[in-house]
Amino acid sequence: MSRLAVKQVFLRNFYKSVTVPQTLISYYPNLMEIMANSTAQQKFKQTAMESFLETYYNPNNSCEMPLTFPTENLQCNNSSQTVGLGVDSCVETPMYLKDKYLADKQRYKTMRQWKRAKKEKLASNSEEFFILRLLSFNILAQYLLETYPFLYKHHDKQALSWNIRRQLLLQEIIGAQANVICLQEMQEEHLQEFLIPFKGLGYNYLYKKRTNDKKDGLLFLYRSDQFILKEYVKVELYQSGIELLSRDNVGIVAKLAIKECPETELVIATTHLLYNPKRNDVRLGQTQLLLAEIERIAFIENTLTGPKYLPIILAGDFNLEPYSGVYKFITEGAFEYQGKGRNLEPTEYRSLSNSLIPPRLYITDNCQHFNILKKRLRGEGIDRVMLENSESLTSDENSPTQCEINADTTDSQVIEIVHGHYAKFSSGVLTHPFHFYSVYKHQNRQGQREATTNQGAWITVDYIFYSDLEPVEKFKLPTTEECTALPTIPNFAVGSDHLCLGATFKIRKSKL
């Protein structure tokens, strides 16, 4: 059998045996072809949200789509050939792989369950609430896996093929039945192929590749039959001429309205921050930029008690551990960086100054765009974001005509916009106006730490933060102790070197 035929048979049989809710059963006999079927597409879109909770909270429903490895169909021309990292590699011993898959999958399944936040009985969507389920997942770009093979030298090489990983990723992502999906490390050349099932199931998407020569980026998916995309921004955290912001990380911020109740809106953002473990100062600066864009999109109005914002979800791979400096900044709303080291811990040498990012970006120390803030408070000024973006035209003409900020100094500046309202720059302290909480508590009741990836040891670097929302369920993370029972990821159960995160929220519908 030719390699092409092997590939087609593998894909055809991947979803042949499924035990998923009835709304999904008809969609996976052939993953690459079924999405062209408009009848199936329409059937999925008509799935009422009234059955949404019953589907999720049925303890007898595992939402699992098992793999099959039929020996009569999967044979290599060369029996000594094994699955490597290439696209067209084939399987040496199908039954052996099947045994691996089943063993790994069973271990993994016991670790990952959807857990309710409260014991109260949950009702279906009603006139009062909308149910949103979000999944966040760093799916591991294949080119990064192949560029740094030494990171995967202790892995089962047969599980590292993109052919196999893609199917495992789709299995887990689609099986979660989330109506909003945030993916990190989505390789651009794999994007259109990866999108096929999601387009067929009624998802629209936004994609933002990392800047410069990077080949991967962020993929934001949402159910188009449930949400209206009202506004979005693709944020580039690379800003030329600024050493702290010289990395190619990006973010996506989207304002969504619930289709059946368009007055109900929320903001969902996703990002993948710098990896370098020693540079928490860079991640802090990147977070300042991202929060400024979230603040701009989420703002509703000024009130007597302060600004009012839409509910917010912020998810992704932040490459930082719980309770570290940037984590504290996000969850506590303030952080003093002046005098600390690059790791944002106390230090006696090479400490950070009072200035983190230069004032020429016009982002205040409260994570707000100065020009936007000025317009809100004065009803005048320039409604312009001063961040560079390779997807939009910028020039010196974009500079404010009324210059109230000294862009060339690193000295502390305090500018009164209107009476009682000030904008601060280079104060040595960052603040933001949101009240973020983490869906995950990072340890269980016995004090055992949760984990989302292995970086020499099992740690947490991925998060779902939320503001002004009610979480009702989360996709349970394993503890570091439990992870030792699982073969190093990626394996034949998990298609990435990260574990996915998930949360379900109740959103109160707005009333006219």
Protein backbone atom coordinates (compact mmCIF):
# COMPACT_ATOMS: atom_id res chain seq x y z
CA MET A 1 0.00 0.00 0.00
CA SER A 2 1.31 3.46 -0.87
CA ARG A 3 2.06 6.04 1.80
CA LEU A 4 -0.79 8.22 0.48
CA ALA A 5 -3.21 5.33 0.81
CA VAL A 6 -1.97 4.63 4.33
CA LYS A 7 -2.54 8.26 5.23
CA GLN A 8 -6.09 8.24 3.84
CA VAL A 9 -6.98 5.02 5.63
CA PHE A 10 -5.55 6.33 8.91
CA LEU A 11 -7.66 9.49 8.71
CA ARG A 12 -10.77 7.55 7.68
CA ASN A 13 -10.48 5.16 10.59
CA PHE A 14 -9.42 7.69 13.22
CA TYR A 15 -12.98 8.68 14.05
CA LYS A 16 -14.66 5.47 12.97
CA SER A 17 -15.49 4.38 16.50
CA VAL A 18 -16.93 7.20 18.56
CA THR A 19 -18.85 7.55 21.79
CA VAL A 20 -19.82 11.20 21.74
CA PRO A 21 -23.13 13.01 22.15
CA GLN A 22 -25.62 12.44 19.34
CA THR A 23 -24.99 15.95 18.05
CA LEU A 24 -21.46 14.95 17.03
CA ILE A 25 -21.79 11.29 16.01
CA SER A 26 -22.44 11.92 12.33
CA TYR A 27 -19.52 14.24 11.85
CA TYR A 28 -16.38 12.11 12.10
CA PRO A 29 -16.52 8.99 9.88
CA ASN A 30 -14.18 10.88 7.60
CA LEU A 31 -12.70 13.95 9.24
CA MET A 32 -11.30 15.55 6.10
CA GLU A 33 -14.43 15.10 3.92
CA ILE A 34 -17.47 15.31 6.17
CA MET A 35 -17.16 19.06 6.69
CA ALA A 36 -18.10 19.64 3.07
CA ASN A 37 -21.51 18.16 3.84
CA SER A 38 -23.84 21.15 4.25
CA THR A 39 -26.58 19.01 5.82
CA ALA A 40 -24.30 17.92 8.64
CA GLN A 41 -23.10 21.48 9.02
CA GLN A 42 -26.66 22.79 9.37
CA LYS A 43 -27.59 20.02 11.81
CA PHE A 44 -24.77 20.98 14.17
CA LYS A 45 -25.67 24.67 14.00
CA GLN A 46 -29.25 23.84 14.93
CA THR A 47 -28.20 22.06 18.09
CA ALA A 48 -30.13 24.01 20.74
CA MET A 49 -28.27 25.49 23.68
CA GLU A 50 -31.06 24.15 25.89
CA SER A 51 -29.32 20.77 25.75
CA PHE A 52 -25.88 22.27 26.29
CA LEU A 53 -25.67 21.69 30.03
CA GLU A 54 -27.34 18.31 29.96
CA THR A 55 -24.71 17.19 27.46
CA TYR A 56 -21.84 18.50 29.56
CA TYR A 57 -23.04 17.38 32.94
CA ASN A 58 -24.18 13.88 32.07
CA PRO A 59 -21.75 11.70 34.07
CA ASN A 60 -22.30 8.84 31.61
CA ASN A 61 -21.08 10.94 28.70
CA SER A 62 -17.31 10.82 28.36
CA CYS A 63 -17.23 12.94 25.17
CA GLU A 64 -14.52 10.58 23.95
CA MET A 65 -13.67 9.63 20.39
CA PRO A 66 -11.44 6.54 20.58
CA LEU A 67 -8.80 5.82 17.97
CA THR A 68 -8.72 2.62 15.97
CA PHE A 69 -5.57 1.07 14.50
CA PRO A 70 -6.86 -1.66 12.11
CA THR A 71 -4.07 -4.12 11.35
CA GLU A 72 -5.55 -5.12 8.02
CA ASN A 73 -5.46 -1.54 6.73
CA LEU A 74 -2.33 -0.02 8.27
CA GLN A 75 0.74 -1.77 6.99
CA CYS A 76 4.02 -0.27 5.81
CA ASN A 77 5.73 -1.28 2.58
CA ASN A 78 8.90 -1.44 4.65
CA SER A 79 8.19 -3.30 7.88
CA SER A 80 11.20 -1.75 9.58
CA GLN A 81 9.95 1.78 9.02
CA THR A 82 8.59 3.63 12.03
CA VAL A 83 6.70 6.84 12.53
CA GLY A 84 9.14 9.74 12.64
CA LEU A 85 8.58 13.47 12.45
CA GLY A 86 7.67 13.60 8.77
CA VAL A 87 4.17 14.05 7.36
CA ASP A 88 4.11 10.86 5.26
CA SER A 89 5.61 8.41 7.72
CA CYS A 90 3.63 5.27 8.46
CA VAL A 91 3.03 2.93 11.36
CA GLU A 92 5.23 -0.09 12.00
CA THR A 93 3.04 -2.20 14.32
CA PRO A 94 -0.56 -0.99 14.47
CA MET A 95 -1.70 -3.24 17.32
CA TYR A 96 1.29 -2.16 19.41
CA LEU A 97 0.33 1.47 18.83
CA LYS A 98 -3.27 0.71 19.69
CA ASP A 99 -2.20 -0.83 23.00
CA LYS A 100 -0.06 2.22 23.71
CA TYR A 101 -2.94 4.52 22.92
CA LEU A 102 -5.42 2.68 25.10
CA ALA A 103 -3.04 2.49 28.05
CA ASP A 104 -2.02 6.15 27.85
CA LYS A 105 -5.58 7.28 27.27
CA GLN A 106 -6.93 5.45 30.29
CA ARG A 107 -4.31 7.01 32.57
CA TYR A 108 -5.01 10.45 31.15
CA LYS A 109 -8.78 10.09 31.35
CA THR A 110 -8.67 9.42 35.08
CA MET A 111 -6.80 12.70 35.57
CA ARG A 112 -9.06 14.95 33.50
CA GLN A 113 -12.68 15.37 34.52
CA TRP A 114 -15.02 18.34 34.38
CA LYS A 115 -15.61 19.48 37.93
CA ARG A 116 -18.41 21.75 39.08
CA ALA A 117 -17.53 24.80 41.12
CA LYS A 118 -20.73 24.48 43.16
CA LYS A 119 -22.96 21.60 44.14
CA GLU A 120 -26.11 23.41 43.08
CA LYS A 121 -28.14 21.89 40.27
CA LEU A 122 -27.36 23.61 37.00
CA ALA A 123 -30.13 24.66 34.68
CA SER A 124 -30.01 24.98 30.92
CA ASN A 125 -29.69 28.30 29.18
CA SER A 126 -32.62 30.47 30.04
CA GLU A 127 -33.85 34.00 29.58
CA GLU A 128 -31.61 34.98 32.50
CA PHE A 129 -28.29 33.25 31.74
CA PHE A 130 -26.10 32.16 28.84
CA ILE A 131 -23.62 29.31 29.27
CA LEU A 132 -20.14 29.76 27.81
CA ARG A 133 -17.49 27.08 27.73
CA LEU A 134 -13.92 28.12 26.90
CA LEU A 135 -10.97 25.88 26.11
CA SER A 136 -7.35 27.12 26.08
CA PHE A 137 -4.55 24.96 24.73
CA ASN A 138 -0.91 25.38 23.66
CA ILE A 139 -0.87 22.77 20.90
CA LEU A 140 2.92 22.78 20.20
CA ALA A 141 3.92 23.98 16.74
CA GLN A 142 5.49 21.12 14.81
CA TYR A 143 8.37 23.26 13.53
CA LEU A 144 9.36 24.07 17.12
CA LEU A 145 9.29 20.39 18.00
CA GLU A 146 11.55 19.65 15.03
CA THR A 147 13.81 22.68 15.63
CA TYR A 148 14.53 21.66 19.23
CA PRO A 149 14.56 17.83 19.10
CA PHE A 150 16.75 17.60 22.22
CA LEU A 151 13.71 18.68 24.25
CA TYR A 152 11.90 15.53 23.13
CA LYS A 153 14.71 12.96 23.26
CA HIS A 154 12.98 11.00 26.05
CA HIS A 155 9.63 10.90 24.25
CA ASP A 156 8.10 8.09 22.25
CA LYS A 157 9.18 9.19 18.76
CA GLN A 158 6.19 7.47 17.19
CA ALA A 159 3.88 9.92 18.98
CA LEU A 160 5.66 13.02 17.65
CA SER A 161 4.43 12.87 14.07
CA TRP A 162 2.17 15.82 13.16
CA ASN A 163 -0.19 13.31 11.52
CA ILE A 164 -0.78 11.60 14.84
CA ARG A 165 -0.59 14.70 17.02
CA ARG A 166 -3.10 16.57 14.86
CA GLN A 167 -5.68 13.82 15.29
CA LEU A 168 -5.13 13.66 19.05
CA LEU A 169 -5.42 17.45 19.31
CA LEU A 170 -8.63 17.55 17.29
CA GLN A 171 -10.02 14.69 19.34
CA GLU A 172 -9.50 16.52 22.61
CA ILE A 173 -10.43 20.02 21.42
CA ILE A 174 -13.62 19.08 19.60
CA GLY A 175 -14.55 16.55 22.28
CA ALA A 176 -14.62 19.36 24.87
CA GLN A 177 -17.53 21.00 22.98
CA ALA A 178 -16.39 24.51 23.86
CA ASN A 179 -18.07 27.41 22.09
CA VAL A 180 -14.90 29.54 22.39
CA ILE A 181 -11.44 28.04 21.81
CA CYS A 182 -8.07 29.76 22.34
CA LEU A 183 -5.07 27.97 20.84
CA GLN A 184 -1.42 28.92 21.10
CA GLU A 185 1.45 27.78 18.81
CA MET A 186 -0.82 27.22 15.82
CA GLN A 187 1.63 26.80 12.93
CA GLU A 188 0.60 28.98 10.00
CA GLU A 189 1.26 26.37 7.30
CA HIS A 190 -0.98 23.89 9.15
CA LEU A 191 -3.79 26.40 9.77
CA GLN A 192 -6.16 25.76 6.85
CA GLU A 193 -5.95 21.98 7.21
CA PHE A 194 -6.53 22.25 10.95
CA LEU A 195 -9.55 24.53 10.46
CA ILE A 196 -11.51 22.11 8.25
CA PRO A 197 -13.54 20.42 11.01
CA PHE A 198 -14.12 23.70 12.88
CA LYS A 199 -15.46 25.46 9.81
CA GLY A 200 -17.80 22.55 9.21
CA LEU A 201 -19.03 22.73 12.79
CA GLY A 202 -19.91 26.42 12.52
CA TYR A 203 -16.86 28.13 14.04
CA ASN A 204 -15.46 31.41 12.79
CA TYR A 205 -11.89 32.35 13.65
CA LEU A 206 -9.21 34.97 14.09
CA TYR A 207 -5.54 34.18 13.56
CA LYS A 208 -2.48 36.22 14.47
CA LYS A 209 0.98 34.98 13.55
CA ARG A 210 3.88 35.98 15.74
CA THR A 211 5.88 38.83 14.28
CA ASN A 212 9.02 38.79 12.12
CA ASP A 213 10.27 35.32 11.14
CA LYS A 214 8.18 33.22 13.54
CA LYS A 215 5.98 30.55 11.96
CA ASP A 216 3.29 30.07 14.59
CA GLY A 217 0.72 32.20 16.34
CA LEU A 218 -2.65 32.37 18.06
CA LEU A 219 -5.92 30.87 16.82
CA PHE A 220 -9.17 32.19 18.30
CA LEU A 221 -12.31 30.18 17.44
CA TYR A 222 -15.92 30.98 18.33
CA ARG A 223 -19.30 29.50 17.41
CA SER A 224 -20.78 31.84 14.81
CA ASP A 225 -24.32 30.63 15.53
CA GLN A 226 -23.97 31.75 19.17
CA PHE A 227 -21.78 34.86 19.02
CA ILE A 228 -21.42 38.05 17.01
CA LEU A 229 -17.89 39.44 16.67
CA LYS A 230 -18.35 43.13 17.47
CA GLU A 231 -14.73 44.31 17.62
CA TYR A 232 -11.25 42.84 17.81
CA VAL A 233 -7.58 43.76 17.82
CA LYS A 234 -4.53 41.67 16.99
CA VAL A 235 -1.89 42.92 19.41
CA GLU A 236 1.81 42.91 18.59
CA LEU A 237 3.98 42.95 21.69
CA TYR A 238 7.04 43.65 19.56
CA GLN A 239 7.76 47.39 19.44
CA SER A 240 10.80 48.50 17.47
CA GLY A 241 13.65 50.21 19.26
CA ILE A 242 12.61 49.00 22.73
CA GLU A 243 14.79 46.21 24.14
CA LEU A 244 12.18 45.11 26.66
CA LEU A 245 9.62 44.72 23.87
CA SER A 246 11.88 43.16 21.24
CA ARG A 247 10.26 39.71 21.34
CA ASP A 248 7.76 38.46 18.80
CA ASN A 249 4.85 37.59 21.07
CA VAL A 250 1.29 38.56 20.20
CA GLY A 251 -2.25 38.66 21.57
CA ILE A 252 -5.83 38.65 20.32
CA VAL A 253 -8.59 40.64 22.04
CA ALA A 254 -12.17 40.10 20.86
CA LYS A 255 -15.47 41.65 21.91
CA LEU A 256 -18.30 39.16 21.44
CA ALA A 257 -22.06 39.64 21.72
CA ILE A 258 -24.43 36.76 22.44
CA LYS A 259 -26.45 36.28 19.30
CA GLU A 260 -29.76 35.57 21.01
CA CYS A 261 -29.24 38.60 23.27
CA PRO A 262 -26.99 41.11 21.44
CA GLU A 263 -27.05 43.54 24.36
CA THR A 264 -24.99 41.02 26.33
CA GLU A 265 -21.32 41.45 25.49
CA LEU A 266 -18.01 40.25 26.88
CA VAL A 267 -14.33 40.47 26.01
CA ILE A 268 -12.13 37.40 25.55
CA ALA A 269 -8.37 37.71 25.09
CA THR A 270 -5.64 35.17 24.52
CA THR A 271 -1.85 35.45 24.43
CA HIS A 272 1.41 33.54 24.54
CA LEU A 273 4.05 35.48 26.44
CA LEU A 274 7.84 35.18 26.28
CA TYR A 275 9.32 31.85 27.38
CA ASN A 276 12.70 32.93 28.85
CA PRO A 277 12.36 31.96 32.55
CA LYS A 278 14.75 34.73 33.64
CA ARG A 279 12.88 37.62 32.03
CA ASN A 280 9.75 38.25 34.07
CA ASP A 281 10.36 41.95 33.44
CA VAL A 282 9.72 41.36 29.73
CA ARG A 283 6.50 39.48 30.51
CA LEU A 284 5.44 42.35 32.78
CA GLY A 285 5.92 44.87 29.98
CA GLN A 286 4.09 42.61 27.53
CA THR A 287 1.21 42.30 29.98
CA GLN A 288 1.04 46.08 30.34
CA LEU A 289 0.55 46.42 26.57
CA LEU A 290 -2.01 43.63 26.38
CA LEU A 291 -4.06 44.98 29.31
CA ALA A 292 -4.12 48.42 27.69
CA GLU A 293 -5.74 46.92 24.61
CA ILE A 294 -8.17 44.91 26.75
CA GLU A 295 -9.05 48.09 28.65
CA ARG A 296 -9.76 49.93 25.40
CA ILE A 297 -12.02 47.18 24.04
CA ALA A 298 -13.80 46.37 27.33
CA PHE A 299 -14.59 49.94 28.44
CA ILE A 300 -18.29 50.79 28.66
CA GLU A 301 -18.62 54.14 30.41
CA ASN A 302 -17.39 56.35 33.22
CA THR A 303 -19.55 56.39 36.32
CA LEU A 304 -19.46 58.26 39.62
CA THR A 305 -17.68 55.29 41.17
CA GLY A 306 -15.18 54.85 38.34
CA PRO A 307 -14.99 53.25 34.88
CA LYS A 308 -17.31 50.37 34.05
CA TYR A 309 -16.11 47.42 31.96
CA LEU A 310 -17.55 44.38 30.22
CA PRO A 311 -16.92 40.92 31.69
CA ILE A 312 -13.47 39.68 30.63
CA ILE A 313 -11.74 36.32 30.13
CA LEU A 314 -7.96 36.26 29.64
CA ALA A 315 -6.49 32.88 28.72
CA GLY A 316 -3.30 31.45 27.30
CA ASP A 317 0.27 30.38 27.92
CA PHE A 318 1.80 33.07 30.14
CA ASN A 319 5.08 31.21 30.75
CA LEU A 320 5.08 32.17 34.42
CA GLU A 321 4.41 30.26 37.60
CA PRO A 322 1.64 30.91 40.14
CA TYR A 323 2.23 33.77 42.59
CA SER A 324 5.25 35.09 40.67
CA GLY A 325 5.48 38.82 39.98
CA VAL A 326 3.38 39.00 36.79
CA TYR A 327 0.81 36.61 38.27
CA LYS A 328 0.46 38.87 41.30
CA PHE A 329 0.13 41.90 39.03
CA ILE A 330 -2.73 40.28 37.09
CA THR A 331 -4.63 38.98 40.11
CA GLU A 332 -3.92 41.78 42.61
CA GLY A 333 -4.10 44.74 40.23
CA ALA A 334 -0.81 46.38 41.29
CA PHE A 335 2.89 45.58 41.30
CA GLU A 336 5.97 47.57 42.25
CA TYR A 337 8.81 46.61 39.93
CA GLN A 338 11.29 49.38 40.76
CA GLY A 339 14.24 48.01 42.74
CA LYS A 340 13.56 44.39 41.79
CA GLY A 341 15.60 42.20 39.49
CA ARG A 342 14.64 41.02 36.03
CA ASN A 343 12.93 38.05 37.63
CA LEU A 344 10.82 40.58 39.60
CA GLU A 345 12.21 39.28 42.86
CA PRO A 346 14.17 41.41 45.38
CA THR A 347 17.80 41.89 44.40
CA GLU A 348 20.87 43.77 45.56
CA TYR A 349 22.32 44.44 42.13
CA ARG A 350 21.17 45.32 38.59
CA SER A 351 17.76 46.32 39.83
CA LEU A 352 15.05 47.76 37.59
CA SER A 353 14.64 51.51 37.48
CA ASN A 354 11.40 53.49 37.75
CA SER A 355 10.81 53.17 33.98
CA LEU A 356 9.64 49.90 32.42
CA ILE A 357 8.43 50.86 28.94
CA PRO A 358 9.10 54.31 27.42
CA PRO A 359 6.39 56.98 27.51
CA ARG A 360 6.49 57.29 23.71
CA LEU A 361 4.06 54.36 23.56
CA TYR A 362 1.56 56.56 25.44
CA ILE A 363 0.52 53.72 27.75
CA THR A 364 0.01 54.84 31.33
CA ASP A 365 1.15 52.99 34.41
CA ASN A 366 -2.52 52.08 34.89
CA CYS A 367 -2.47 50.12 31.61
CA GLN A 368 -4.54 52.63 29.66
CA HIS A 369 -3.89 54.37 26.35
CA PHE A 370 -3.33 58.03 27.24
CA ASN A 371 -5.00 59.32 24.06
CA ILE A 372 -8.07 57.15 24.65
CA LEU A 373 -8.27 58.13 28.31
CA LYS A 374 -7.92 61.82 27.47
CA LYS A 375 -10.76 61.66 24.98
CA ARG A 376 -13.03 59.92 27.45
CA LEU A 377 -12.41 62.40 30.24
CA ARG A 378 -12.18 65.63 28.22
CA GLY A 379 -14.32 64.80 25.27
CA GLU A 380 -11.46 65.90 23.03
CA GLY A 381 -7.98 64.88 21.98
CA ILE A 382 -6.88 62.16 19.62
CA ASP A 383 -8.55 58.76 19.69
CA ARG A 384 -5.46 56.90 18.53
CA VAL A 385 -3.44 53.94 19.75
CA MET A 386 0.29 54.62 19.47
CA LEU A 387 1.41 50.98 19.30
CA GLU A 388 3.14 49.75 16.17
CA ASN A 389 1.39 47.01 14.23
CA SER A 390 2.72 45.39 11.06
CA GLU A 391 -0.85 44.87 9.83
CA SER A 392 -1.74 48.56 9.94
CA LEU A 393 -0.06 51.61 8.45
CA THR A 394 1.83 53.82 10.87
CA SER A 395 3.84 56.98 10.36
CA ASP A 396 5.18 59.98 12.19
CA GLU A 397 1.93 61.74 11.31
CA ASN A 398 0.22 59.57 13.90
CA SER A 399 1.99 61.44 16.69
CA PRO A 400 -0.32 63.61 18.83
CA THR A 401 -0.50 67.25 17.80
CA GLN A 402 -0.95 68.32 21.40
CA CYS A 403 2.06 66.88 23.21
CA GLU A 404 1.50 66.73 26.96
CA ILE A 405 3.92 63.87 27.56
CA ASN A 406 7.68 64.12 27.42
CA ALA A 407 8.39 61.07 25.30
CA ASP A 408 12.17 61.40 25.60
CA THR A 409 12.57 61.07 29.35
CA THR A 410 12.55 58.18 31.75
CA ASP A 411 11.75 60.48 34.65
CA SER A 412 8.48 60.00 36.48
CA GLN A 413 5.62 62.03 35.02
CA VAL A 414 2.19 62.79 36.47
CA ILE A 415 -0.27 64.53 34.13
CA GLU A 416 -3.63 65.86 35.25
CA ILE A 417 -6.14 65.15 32.49
CA VAL A 418 -9.13 66.67 34.26
CA HIS A 419 -9.55 67.69 37.86
CA GLY A 420 -8.93 64.69 40.09
CA HIS A 421 -7.87 62.36 37.26
CA TYR A 422 -4.17 61.77 36.63
CA ALA A 423 -2.08 59.72 34.23
CA LYS A 424 1.25 58.39 35.48
CA PHE A 425 4.33 57.32 33.53
CA SER A 426 7.57 55.74 34.82
CA SER A 427 6.36 55.67 38.42
CA GLY A 428 7.98 52.33 39.25
CA VAL A 429 4.54 50.81 39.94
CA LEU A 430 2.03 49.27 37.54
CA THR A 431 -1.70 49.04 38.22
CA HIS A 432 -4.73 48.01 36.19
CA PRO A 433 -8.48 48.56 36.71
CA PHE A 434 -9.70 44.96 36.55
CA HIS A 435 -10.48 42.38 39.22
CA PHE A 436 -9.07 39.17 37.80
CA TYR A 437 -9.39 35.75 39.40
CA SER A 438 -7.84 32.48 38.28
CA VAL A 439 -10.17 29.61 37.41
CA TYR A 440 -7.57 27.24 38.84
CA LYS A 441 -6.30 27.35 42.43
CA HIS A 442 -2.98 25.67 41.49
CA GLN A 443 -3.17 23.03 44.21
CA ASN A 444 -5.71 20.57 45.53
CA ARG A 445 -7.08 20.31 49.05
CA GLN A 446 -4.10 18.19 50.10
CA GLY A 447 -1.69 20.92 48.99
CA GLN A 448 -0.47 19.00 45.94
CA ARG A 449 0.42 21.33 43.06
CA GLU A 450 -1.39 21.25 39.73
CA ALA A 451 0.57 21.12 36.46
CA THR A 452 0.03 22.16 32.85
CA THR A 453 3.41 21.28 31.28
CA ASN A 454 6.81 19.77 31.95
CA GLN A 455 9.84 22.06 31.74
CA GLY A 456 12.32 19.72 33.40
CA ALA A 457 9.70 19.35 36.13
CA TRP A 458 5.91 19.48 36.11
CA ILE A 459 4.77 23.09 36.58
CA THR A 460 1.89 25.45 35.78
CA VAL A 461 2.37 28.16 33.15
CA ASP A 462 -1.09 28.22 31.47
CA TYR A 463 -4.06 30.10 32.92
CA ILE A 464 -7.64 31.21 32.53
CA PHE A 465 -8.32 34.50 34.32
CA TYR A 466 -11.77 36.07 34.52
CA SER A 467 -13.44 39.26 35.72
CA ASP A 468 -17.12 39.90 36.49
CA LEU A 469 -18.21 36.38 35.56
CA GLU A 470 -19.44 33.34 37.45
CA PRO A 471 -17.46 30.14 36.80
CA VAL A 472 -19.57 27.01 37.22
CA GLU A 473 -17.14 24.31 36.09
CA LYS A 474 -13.50 23.66 35.23
CA PHE A 475 -11.57 20.95 33.43
CA LYS A 476 -9.62 19.44 36.30
CA LEU A 477 -5.82 19.54 36.07
CA PRO A 478 -3.69 16.68 37.38
CA THR A 479 -1.25 17.17 40.23
CA THR A 480 2.49 16.88 39.71
CA GLU A 481 2.36 13.51 41.48
CA GLU A 482 -0.36 12.23 39.14
CA CYS A 483 1.58 13.40 36.10
CA THR A 484 4.45 11.03 36.92
CA ALA A 485 2.14 8.14 36.01
CA LEU A 486 1.69 9.55 32.50
CA PRO A 487 4.32 9.03 29.79
CA THR A 488 6.11 12.24 28.91
CA ILE A 489 3.90 14.40 26.72
CA PRO A 490 3.28 14.45 23.78
CA ASN A 491 2.29 10.79 23.87
CA PHE A 492 -0.49 8.63 22.47
CA ALA A 493 -3.07 10.33 24.69
CA VAL A 494 -1.98 13.97 24.70
CA GLY A 495 -1.00 15.58 21.41
CA SER A 496 0.97 18.48 22.89
CA ASP A 497 3.62 19.21 25.50
CA HIS A 498 1.00 21.22 27.40
CA LEU A 499 -2.30 20.14 28.94
CA CYS A 500 -5.42 21.98 27.88
CA LEU A 501 -7.43 24.13 30.27
CA GLY A 502 -11.19 24.57 30.27
CA ALA A 503 -13.86 26.51 32.14
CA THR A 504 -17.60 27.01 31.91
CA PHE A 505 -19.19 30.33 32.89
CA LYS A 506 -22.68 31.59 33.53
CA ILE A 507 -23.22 34.98 31.88
CA ARG A 508 -26.15 37.06 33.04
CA LYS A 509 -28.01 38.40 30.04
CA SER A 510 -28.43 42.16 29.79
CA LYS A 511 -31.90 43.62 30.04
CA LEU A 512 -33.11 46.49 27.93
